[in-house]
Structure formats: C-alpha cells, structure tokens
C-alpha cells in the first residue's frame, strides 16, 4: 500500500505540477526495486541457512551491487527527470 500523501516524500528534486507524475512514478519503482532486492537477499539467506551451507564468496558483492545498483539507477533517472 502506498502512502496517501506522496507530496510529503523527500524527493531531493523540486516537484512541479509538470513533473509530479513522473517523479512519483519513479519513486514508486525505486521503492518496489528496493523491496524486491531485500526480499531476494533474505530469501537466499533463508534457503542457504536451511541447507546448513556457508554463504558463497560472491554473496556480499552481489547483494551490494543489487541494492546499490538499483538505487543508483533510479536516482539517476530521478535527476534526469528534473533536468528534462
């Protein structure tokens, strides 16, 4: 469920009537991507712990790339909307 008052979000860019819909849509996708990344990471942790196996060496870099890569992608899109 999305907040009823998205105008209370701290967007980091100036929200005008012309760009309001694009900014709020981008922020929704940003939040969805972050939730999906977190869910995937925790699902992998649960599966790995149920199998009683150690975490692979690629897990930490992959999870950091997944989270921060998604954040960087949507923040860049947000700032491009501001300029455009």
PDB file of N, CA and C in Angstrom:
ATOM      1  N   UNK A   1       0.844  -1.179   0.000  1.00  0.00           N
ATOM      2  CA  UNK A   1       0.000   0.000   0.000  1.00  0.00           C
ATOM      3  C   UNK A   1       0.887   1.239   0.000  1.00  0.00           C
ATOM      4  N   UNK A   2       0.587   2.155  -0.865  1.00  0.00           N
ATOM      5  CA  UNK A   2       1.386   3.373  -0.983  1.00  0.00           C
ATOM      6  C   UNK A   2       0.830   4.447  -0.075  1.00  0.00           C
ATOM      7  N   UNK A   3       1.681   5.306   0.389  1.00  0.00           N
ATOM      8  CA  UNK A   3       1.208   6.392   1.257  1.00  0.00           C
ATOM      9  C   UNK A   3       0.165   7.254   0.555  1.00  0.00           C
ATOM     10  N   UNK A   4      -0.747   7.768   1.339  1.00  0.00           N
ATOM     11  CA  UNK A   4      -1.802   8.595   0.770  1.00  0.00           C
ATOM     12  C   UNK A   4      -1.306   9.982   0.405  1.00  0.00           C
ATOM     13  N   UNK A   5      -0.175  10.389   0.971  1.00  0.00           N
ATOM     14  CA  UNK A   5       0.332  11.737   0.753  1.00  0.00           C
ATOM     15  C   UNK A   5       1.757  11.691   0.213  1.00  0.00           C
ATOM     16  N   UNK A   6       1.933  11.383  -1.097  1.00  0.00           N
ATOM     17  CA  UNK A   6       3.295  11.316  -1.633  1.00  0.00           C
ATOM     18  C   UNK A   6       3.989  12.673  -1.660  1.00  0.00           C
ATOM     19  N   UNK A   7       3.248  13.751  -1.563  1.00  0.00           N
ATOM     20  CA  UNK A   7       3.880  15.078  -1.544  1.00  0.00           C
ATOM     21  C   UNK A   7       4.694  15.302  -0.272  1.00  0.00           C
ATOM     22  N   UNK A   8       4.537  14.435   0.710  1.00  0.00           N
ATOM     23  CA  UNK A   8       5.331  14.547   1.933  1.00  0.00           C
ATOM     24  C   UNK A   8       6.678  13.837   1.809  1.00  0.00           C
ATOM     25  N   UNK A   9       6.918  13.134   0.682  1.00  0.00           N
ATOM     26  CA  UNK A   9       8.185  12.442   0.473  1.00  0.00           C
ATOM     27  C   UNK A   9       9.293  13.450   0.243  1.00  0.00           C
ATOM     28  N   UNK A  10      10.472  13.148   0.742  1.00  0.00           N
ATOM     29  CA  UNK A  10      11.647  13.967   0.487  1.00  0.00           C
ATOM     30  C   UNK A  10      12.283  13.442  -0.797  1.00  0.00           C
ATOM     31  N   UNK A  11      12.018  14.112  -1.913  1.00  0.00           N
ATOM     32  CA  UNK A  11      12.430  13.596  -3.216  1.00  0.00           C
ATOM     33  C   UNK A  11      13.839  13.999  -3.604  1.00  0.00           C
ATOM     34  N   UNK A  12      14.359  15.089  -3.088  1.00  0.00           N
ATOM     35  CA  UNK A  12      15.671  15.561  -3.479  1.00  0.00           C
ATOM     36  C   UNK A  12      15.646  16.428  -4.710  1.00  0.00           C
ATOM     37  N   UNK A  13      14.501  16.496  -5.369  1.00  0.00           N
ATOM     38  CA  UNK A  13      14.329  17.370  -6.527  1.00  0.00           C
ATOM     39  C   UNK A  13      13.065  18.191  -6.333  1.00  0.00           C
ATOM     40  N   UNK A  14      12.991  19.300  -7.045  1.00  0.00           N
ATOM     41  CA  UNK A  14      11.808  20.152  -6.925  1.00  0.00           C
ATOM     42  C   UNK A  14      10.659  19.526  -7.704  1.00  0.00           C
ATOM     43  N   UNK A  15       9.544  19.338  -7.035  1.00  0.00           N
ATOM     44  CA  UNK A  15       8.368  18.749  -7.654  1.00  0.00           C
ATOM     45  C   UNK A  15       7.469  19.878  -8.128  1.00  0.00           C
ATOM     46  N   UNK A  16       7.215  19.904  -9.432  1.00  0.00           N
ATOM     47  CA  UNK A  16       6.329  20.893 -10.031  1.00  0.00           C
ATOM     48  C   UNK A  16       5.108  20.163 -10.576  1.00  0.00           C
ATOM     49  N   UNK A  17       4.057  20.896 -10.881  1.00  0.00           N
ATOM     50  CA  UNK A  17       2.888  20.220 -11.485  1.00  0.00           C
ATOM     51  C   UNK A  17       3.222  19.524 -12.804  1.00  0.00           C
ATOM     52  N   UNK A  18       4.233  20.027 -13.525  1.00  0.00           N
ATOM     53  CA  UNK A  18       4.593  19.429 -14.816  1.00  0.00           C
ATOM     54  C   UNK A  18       5.312  18.085 -14.643  1.00  0.00           C
ATOM     55  N   UNK A  19       6.122  17.937 -13.583  1.00  0.00           N
ATOM     56  CA  UNK A  19       6.894  16.702 -13.435  1.00  0.00           C
ATOM     57  C   UNK A  19       6.418  15.820 -12.281  1.00  0.00           C
ATOM     58  N   UNK A  20       5.352  16.210 -11.637  1.00  0.00           N
ATOM     59  CA  UNK A  20       4.871  15.496 -10.450  1.00  0.00           C
ATOM     60  C   UNK A  20       4.614  14.017 -10.711  1.00  0.00           C
ATOM     61  N   UNK A  21       3.883  13.706 -11.771  1.00  0.00           N
ATOM     62  CA  UNK A  21       3.510  12.316 -12.040  1.00  0.00           C
ATOM     63  C   UNK A  21       4.736  11.457 -12.341  1.00  0.00           C
ATOM     64  N   UNK A  22       5.684  11.985 -13.127  1.00  0.00           N
ATOM     65  CA  UNK A  22       6.892  11.226 -13.453  1.00  0.00           C
ATOM     66  C   UNK A  22       7.747  10.978 -12.214  1.00  0.00           C
ATOM     67  N   UNK A  23       7.873  11.978 -11.365  1.00  0.00           N
ATOM     68  CA  UNK A  23       8.694  11.830 -10.156  1.00  0.00           C
ATOM     69  C   UNK A  23       8.074  10.818  -9.201  1.00  0.00           C
ATOM     70  N   UNK A  24       6.781  10.913  -8.963  1.00  0.00           N
ATOM     71  CA  UNK A  24       6.139   9.970  -8.044  1.00  0.00           C
ATOM     72  C   UNK A  24       6.157   8.546  -8.597  1.00  0.00           C
ATOM     73  N   UNK A  25       6.013   8.400  -9.911  1.00  0.00           N
ATOM     74  CA  UNK A  25       6.075   7.072 -10.525  1.00  0.00           C
ATOM     75  C   UNK A  25       7.485   6.498 -10.389  1.00  0.00           C
ATOM     76  N   UNK A  26       8.498   7.333 -10.619  1.00  0.00           N
ATOM     77  CA  UNK A  26       9.886   6.888 -10.474  1.00  0.00           C
ATOM     78  C   UNK A  26      10.175   6.489  -9.034  1.00  0.00           C
ATOM     79  N   UNK A  27       9.676   7.253  -8.076  1.00  0.00           N
ATOM     80  CA  UNK A  27       9.891   6.913  -6.672  1.00  0.00           C
ATOM     81  C   UNK A  27       9.183   5.621  -6.278  1.00  0.00           C
ATOM     82  N   UNK A  28       8.013   5.373  -6.856  1.00  0.00           N
ATOM     83  CA  UNK A  28       7.324   4.104  -6.585  1.00  0.00           C
ATOM     84  C   UNK A  28       8.149   2.920  -7.088  1.00  0.00           C
ATOM     85  N   UNK A  29       8.681   3.045  -8.312  1.00  0.00           N
ATOM     86  CA  UNK A  29       9.529   1.984  -8.857  1.00  0.00           C
ATOM     87  C   UNK A  29      10.796   1.814  -8.025  1.00  0.00           C
ATOM     88  N   UNK A  30      11.340   2.920  -7.541  1.00  0.00           N
ATOM     89  CA  UNK A  30      12.520   2.887  -6.680  1.00  0.00           C
ATOM     90  C   UNK A  30      12.232   2.048  -5.433  1.00  0.00           C
ATOM     91  N   UNK A  31      11.103   2.311  -4.797  1.00  0.00           N
ATOM     92  CA  UNK A  31      10.732   1.580  -3.582  1.00  0.00           C
ATOM     93  C   UNK A  31      10.450   0.109  -3.897  1.00  0.00           C
ATOM     94  N   UNK A  32       9.769  -0.152  -5.017  1.00  0.00           N
ATOM     95  CA  UNK A  32       9.490  -1.539  -5.400  1.00  0.00           C
ATOM     96  C   UNK A  32      10.778  -2.312  -5.657  1.00  0.00           C
ATOM     97  N   UNK A  33      11.729  -1.674  -6.332  1.00  0.00           N
ATOM     98  CA  UNK A  33      13.006  -2.324  -6.619  1.00  0.00           C
ATOM     99  C   UNK A  33      13.764  -2.626  -5.333  1.00  0.00           C
ATOM    100  N   UNK A  34      13.765  -1.677  -4.409  1.00  0.00           N
ATOM    101  CA  UNK A  34      14.454  -1.884  -3.141  1.00  0.00           C
ATOM    102  C   UNK A  34      13.803  -3.011  -2.327  1.00  0.00           C
ATOM    103  N   UNK A  35      12.475  -3.062  -2.331  1.00  0.00           N
ATOM    104  CA  UNK A  35      11.772  -4.139  -1.631  1.00  0.00           C
ATOM    105  C   UNK A  35      12.071  -5.498  -2.262  1.00  0.00           C
ATOM    106  N   UNK A  36      12.085  -5.556  -3.588  1.00  0.00           N
ATOM    107  CA  UNK A  36      12.378  -6.806  -4.274  1.00  0.00           C
ATOM    108  C   UNK A  36      13.801  -7.264  -3.994  1.00  0.00           C
ATOM    109  N   UNK A  37      14.751  -6.356  -4.033  1.00  0.00           N
ATOM    110  CA  UNK A  37      16.147  -6.692  -3.744  1.00  0.00           C
ATOM    111  C   UNK A  37      16.296  -7.248  -2.335  1.00  0.00           C
ATOM    112  N   UNK A  38      15.667  -6.582  -1.379  1.00  0.00           N
ATOM    113  CA  UNK A  38      15.736  -7.029   0.008  1.00  0.00           C
ATOM    114  C   UNK A  38      15.097  -8.406   0.175  1.00  0.00           C
ATOM    115  N   UNK A  39      13.974  -8.625  -0.487  1.00  0.00           N
ATOM    116  CA  UNK A  39      13.293  -9.914  -0.406  1.00  0.00           C
ATOM    117  C   UNK A  39      14.145 -11.030  -1.001  1.00  0.00           C
ATOM    118  N   UNK A  40      14.771 -10.755  -2.140  1.00  0.00           N
ATOM    119  CA  UNK A  40      15.632 -11.759  -2.764  1.00  0.00           C
ATOM    120  C   UNK A  40      16.830 -12.100  -1.887  1.00  0.00           C
ATOM    121  N   UNK A  41      17.423 -11.090  -1.273  1.00  0.00           N
ATOM    122  CA  UNK A  41      18.577 -11.325  -0.403  1.00  0.00           C
ATOM    123  C   UNK A  41      18.182 -12.173   0.801  1.00  0.00           C
ATOM    124  N   UNK A  42      17.076 -11.816   1.437  1.00  0.00           N
ATOM    125  CA  UNK A  42      16.646 -12.589   2.603  1.00  0.00           C
ATOM    126  C   UNK A  42      16.192 -13.995   2.213  1.00  0.00           C
ATOM    127  N   UNK A  43      15.568 -14.148   1.051  1.00  0.00           N
ATOM    128  CA  UNK A  43      15.171 -15.481   0.602  1.00  0.00           C
ATOM    129  C   UNK A  43      16.403 -16.354   0.396  1.00  0.00           C
ATOM    130  N   UNK A  44      17.444 -15.785  -0.204  1.00  0.00           N
ATOM    131  CA  UNK A  44      18.679 -16.545  -0.397  1.00  0.00           C
ATOM    132  C   UNK A  44      19.303 -16.908   0.948  1.00  0.00           C
ATOM    133  N   UNK A  45      19.280 -15.971   1.901  1.00  0.00           N
ATOM    134  CA  UNK A  45      19.823 -16.257   3.230  1.00  0.00           C
ATOM    135  C   UNK A  45      19.058 -17.381   3.919  1.00  0.00           C
ATOM    136  N   UNK A  46      17.750 -17.366   3.802  1.00  0.00           N
ATOM    137  CA  UNK A  46      16.931 -18.408   4.431  1.00  0.00           C
ATOM    138  C   UNK A  46      17.206 -19.766   3.791  1.00  0.00           C
ATOM    139  N   UNK A  47      17.240 -19.802   2.461  1.00  0.00           N
ATOM    140  CA  UNK A  47      17.482 -21.070   1.769  1.00  0.00           C
ATOM    141  C   UNK A  47      18.860 -21.618   2.120  1.00  0.00           C
ATOM    142  N   UNK A  48      19.853 -20.742   2.148  1.00  0.00           N
ATOM    143  CA  UNK A  48      21.208 -21.174   2.474  1.00  0.00           C
ATOM    144  C   UNK A  48      21.295 -21.684   3.907  1.00  0.00           C
ATOM    145  N   UNK A  49      20.633 -20.995   4.829  1.00  0.00           N
ATOM    146  CA  UNK A  49      20.687 -21.450   6.220  1.00  0.00           C
ATOM    147  C   UNK A  49      19.904 -22.744   6.427  1.00  0.00           C
ATOM    148  N   UNK A  50      18.823 -22.945   5.678  1.00  0.00           N
ATOM    149  CA  UNK A  50      18.081 -24.210   5.791  1.00  0.00           C
ATOM    150  C   UNK A  50      18.897 -25.382   5.268  1.00  0.00           C
ATOM    151  N   UNK A  51      19.755 -25.118   4.302  1.00  0.00           N
ATOM    152  CA  UNK A  51      20.613 -26.172   3.771  1.00  0.00           C
ATOM    153  C   UNK A  51      21.867 -26.368   4.621  1.00  0.00           C
ATOM    154  N   UNK A  52      22.030 -25.545   5.650  1.00  0.00           N
ATOM    155  CA  UNK A  52      23.200 -25.604   6.545  1.00  0.00           C
ATOM    156  C   UNK A  52      24.513 -25.496   5.774  1.00  0.00           C
ATOM    157  N   UNK A  53      24.508 -24.626   4.770  1.00  0.00           N
ATOM    158  CA  UNK A  53      25.731 -24.437   3.994  1.00  0.00           C
ATOM    159  C   UNK A  53      26.226 -23.000   4.188  1.00  0.00           C
ATOM    160  N   UNK A  54      27.521 -22.787   4.050  1.00  0.00           N
ATOM    161  CA  UNK A  54      28.049 -21.430   4.221  1.00  0.00           C
ATOM    162  C   UNK A  54      27.685 -20.550   3.027  1.00  0.00           C
ATOM    163  N   UNK A  55      27.720 -19.272   3.269  1.00  0.00           N
ATOM    164  CA  UNK A  55      27.434 -18.344   2.183  1.00  0.00           C
ATOM    165  C   UNK A  55      28.588 -18.347   1.185  1.00  0.00           C
ATOM    166  N   UNK A  56      28.268 -18.296  -0.100  1.00  0.00           N
ATOM    167  CA  UNK A  56      29.342 -18.254  -1.094  1.00  0.00           C
ATOM    168  C   UNK A  56      30.073 -16.910  -1.060  1.00  0.00           C
ATOM    169  N   UNK A  57      31.259 -16.880  -1.591  1.00  0.00           N
ATOM    170  CA  UNK A  57      32.068 -15.671  -1.570  1.00  0.00           C
ATOM    171  C   UNK A  57      31.494 -14.539  -2.395  1.00  0.00           C
ATOM    172  N   UNK A  58      30.665 -14.859  -3.367  1.00  0.00           N
ATOM    173  CA  UNK A  58      30.097 -13.830  -4.228  1.00  0.00           C
ATOM    174  C   UNK A  58      28.862 -13.171  -3.625  1.00  0.00           C
ATOM    175  N   UNK A  59      28.376 -13.688  -2.510  1.00  0.00           N
ATOM    176  CA  UNK A  59      27.108 -13.193  -1.970  1.00  0.00           C
ATOM    177  C   UNK A  59      27.175 -11.722  -1.558  1.00  0.00           C
ATOM    178  N   UNK A  60      28.190 -11.332  -0.810  1.00  0.00           N
ATOM    179  CA  UNK A  60      28.274  -9.944  -0.337  1.00  0.00           C
ATOM    180  C   UNK A  60      28.412  -8.957  -1.485  1.00  0.00           C
ATOM    181  N   UNK A  61      29.348  -9.149  -2.428  1.00  0.00           N
ATOM    182  CA  UNK A  61      29.417  -8.196  -3.541  1.00  0.00           C
ATOM    183  C   UNK A  61      28.141  -8.176  -4.386  1.00  0.00           C
ATOM    184  N   UNK A  62      27.553  -9.352  -4.604  1.00  0.00           N
ATOM    185  CA  UNK A  62      26.336  -9.412  -5.414  1.00  0.00           C
ATOM    186  C   UNK A  62      25.181  -8.686  -4.734  1.00  0.00           C
ATOM    187  N   UNK A  63      25.037  -8.872  -3.424  1.00  0.00           N
ATOM    188  CA  UNK A  63      23.933  -8.202  -2.734  1.00  0.00           C
ATOM    189  C   UNK A  63      24.156  -6.689  -2.685  1.00  0.00           C
ATOM    190  N   UNK A  64      25.400  -6.254  -2.517  1.00  0.00           N
ATOM    191  CA  UNK A  64      25.675  -4.816  -2.530  1.00  0.00           C
ATOM    192  C   UNK A  64      25.423  -4.211  -3.898  1.00  0.00           C
ATOM    193  N   UNK A  65      25.826  -4.924  -4.946  1.00  0.00           N
ATOM    194  CA  UNK A  65      25.566  -4.437  -6.308  1.00  0.00           C
ATOM    195  C   UNK A  65      24.067  -4.400  -6.580  1.00  0.00           C
ATOM    196  N   UNK A  66      23.355  -5.405  -6.119  1.00  0.00           N
ATOM    197  CA  UNK A  66      21.908  -5.466  -6.332  1.00  0.00           C
ATOM    198  C   UNK A  66      21.203  -4.286  -5.670  1.00  0.00           C
ATOM    199  N   UNK A  67      21.534  -4.015  -4.427  1.00  0.00           N
ATOM    200  CA  UNK A  67      20.864  -2.940  -3.690  1.00  0.00           C
ATOM    201  C   UNK A  67      21.309  -1.565  -4.190  1.00  0.00           C
ATOM    202  N   UNK A  68      22.625  -1.332  -4.180  1.00  0.00           N
ATOM    203  CA  UNK A  68      23.112  -0.001  -4.530  1.00  0.00           C
ATOM    204  C   UNK A  68      23.039   0.275  -6.027  1.00  0.00           C
ATOM    205  N   UNK A  69      23.109  -0.771  -6.850  1.00  0.00           N
ATOM    206  CA  UNK A  69      22.929  -0.591  -8.290  1.00  0.00           C
ATOM    207  C   UNK A  69      21.519  -0.142  -8.628  1.00  0.00           C
ATOM    208  N   UNK A  70      20.535  -0.788  -7.981  1.00  0.00           N
ATOM    209  CA  UNK A  70      19.141  -0.375  -8.185  1.00  0.00           C
ATOM    210  C   UNK A  70      18.889   1.041  -7.695  1.00  0.00           C
ATOM    211  N   UNK A  71      19.469   1.365  -6.550  1.00  0.00           N
ATOM    212  CA  UNK A  71      19.306   2.717  -6.021  1.00  0.00           C
ATOM    213  C   UNK A  71      19.932   3.748  -6.960  1.00  0.00           C
ATOM    214  N   UNK A  72      21.132   3.459  -7.448  1.00  0.00           N
ATOM    215  CA  UNK A  72      21.810   4.393  -8.350  1.00  0.00           C
ATOM    216  C   UNK A  72      21.009   4.578  -9.637  1.00  0.00           C
ATOM    217  N   UNK A  73      20.487   3.484 -10.176  1.00  0.00           N
ATOM    218  CA  UNK A  73      19.702   3.563 -11.414  1.00  0.00           C
ATOM    219  C   UNK A  73      18.513   4.502 -11.258  1.00  0.00           C
ATOM    220  N   UNK A  74      17.723   4.316 -10.190  1.00  0.00           N
ATOM    221  CA  UNK A  74      16.520   5.121 -10.021  1.00  0.00           C
ATOM    222  C   UNK A  74      16.841   6.557  -9.618  1.00  0.00           C
ATOM    223  N   UNK A  75      17.919   6.782  -8.862  1.00  0.00           N
ATOM    224  CA  UNK A  75      18.301   8.155  -8.524  1.00  0.00           C
ATOM    225  C   UNK A  75      18.779   8.918  -9.753  1.00  0.00           C
ATOM    226  N   UNK A  76      19.509   8.234 -10.634  1.00  0.00           N
ATOM    227  CA  UNK A  76      19.917   8.883 -11.878  1.00  0.00           C
ATOM    228  C   UNK A  76      18.696   9.233 -12.716  1.00  0.00           C
ATOM    229  N   UNK A  77      17.751   8.319 -12.816  1.00  0.00           N
ATOM    230  CA  UNK A  77      16.516   8.602 -13.563  1.00  0.00           C
ATOM    231  C   UNK A  77      15.762   9.771 -12.949  1.00  0.00           C
ATOM    232  N   UNK A  78      15.744   9.833 -11.623  1.00  0.00           N
ATOM    233  CA  UNK A  78      15.049  10.936 -10.935  1.00  0.00           C
ATOM    234  C   UNK A  78      15.678  12.275 -11.272  1.00  0.00           C
ATOM    235  N   UNK A  79      17.004  12.330 -11.260  1.00  0.00           N
ATOM    236  CA  UNK A  79      17.678  13.603 -11.550  1.00  0.00           C
ATOM    237  C   UNK A  79      17.609  13.951 -13.033  1.00  0.00           C
ATOM    238  N   UNK A  80      17.490  12.950 -13.917  1.00  0.00           N
ATOM    239  CA  UNK A  80      17.297  13.238 -15.334  1.00  0.00           C
ATOM    240  C   UNK A  80      15.895  13.804 -15.589  1.00  0.00           C
ATOM    241  N   UNK A  81      14.916  13.351 -14.840  1.00  0.00           N
ATOM    242  CA  UNK A  81      13.564  13.906 -14.959  1.00  0.00           C
ATOM    243  C   UNK A  81      13.577  15.361 -14.543  1.00  0.00           C
ATOM    244  N   UNK A  82      14.356  15.672 -13.515  1.00  0.00           N
ATOM    245  CA  UNK A  82      14.453  17.048 -13.029  1.00  0.00           C
ATOM    246  C   UNK A  82      14.993  17.964 -14.113  1.00  0.00           C
ATOM    247  N   UNK A  83      16.012  17.500 -14.841  1.00  0.00           N
ATOM    248  CA  UNK A  83      16.623  18.323 -15.875  1.00  0.00           C
ATOM    249  C   UNK A  83      15.751  18.399 -17.135  1.00  0.00           C
ATOM    250  N   UNK A  84      15.008  17.324 -17.400  1.00  0.00           N
ATOM    251  CA  UNK A  84      14.236  17.267 -18.638  1.00  0.00           C
ATOM    252  C   UNK A  84      12.926  17.840 -18.528  1.00  0.00           C
TER     253      UNK A  84
END
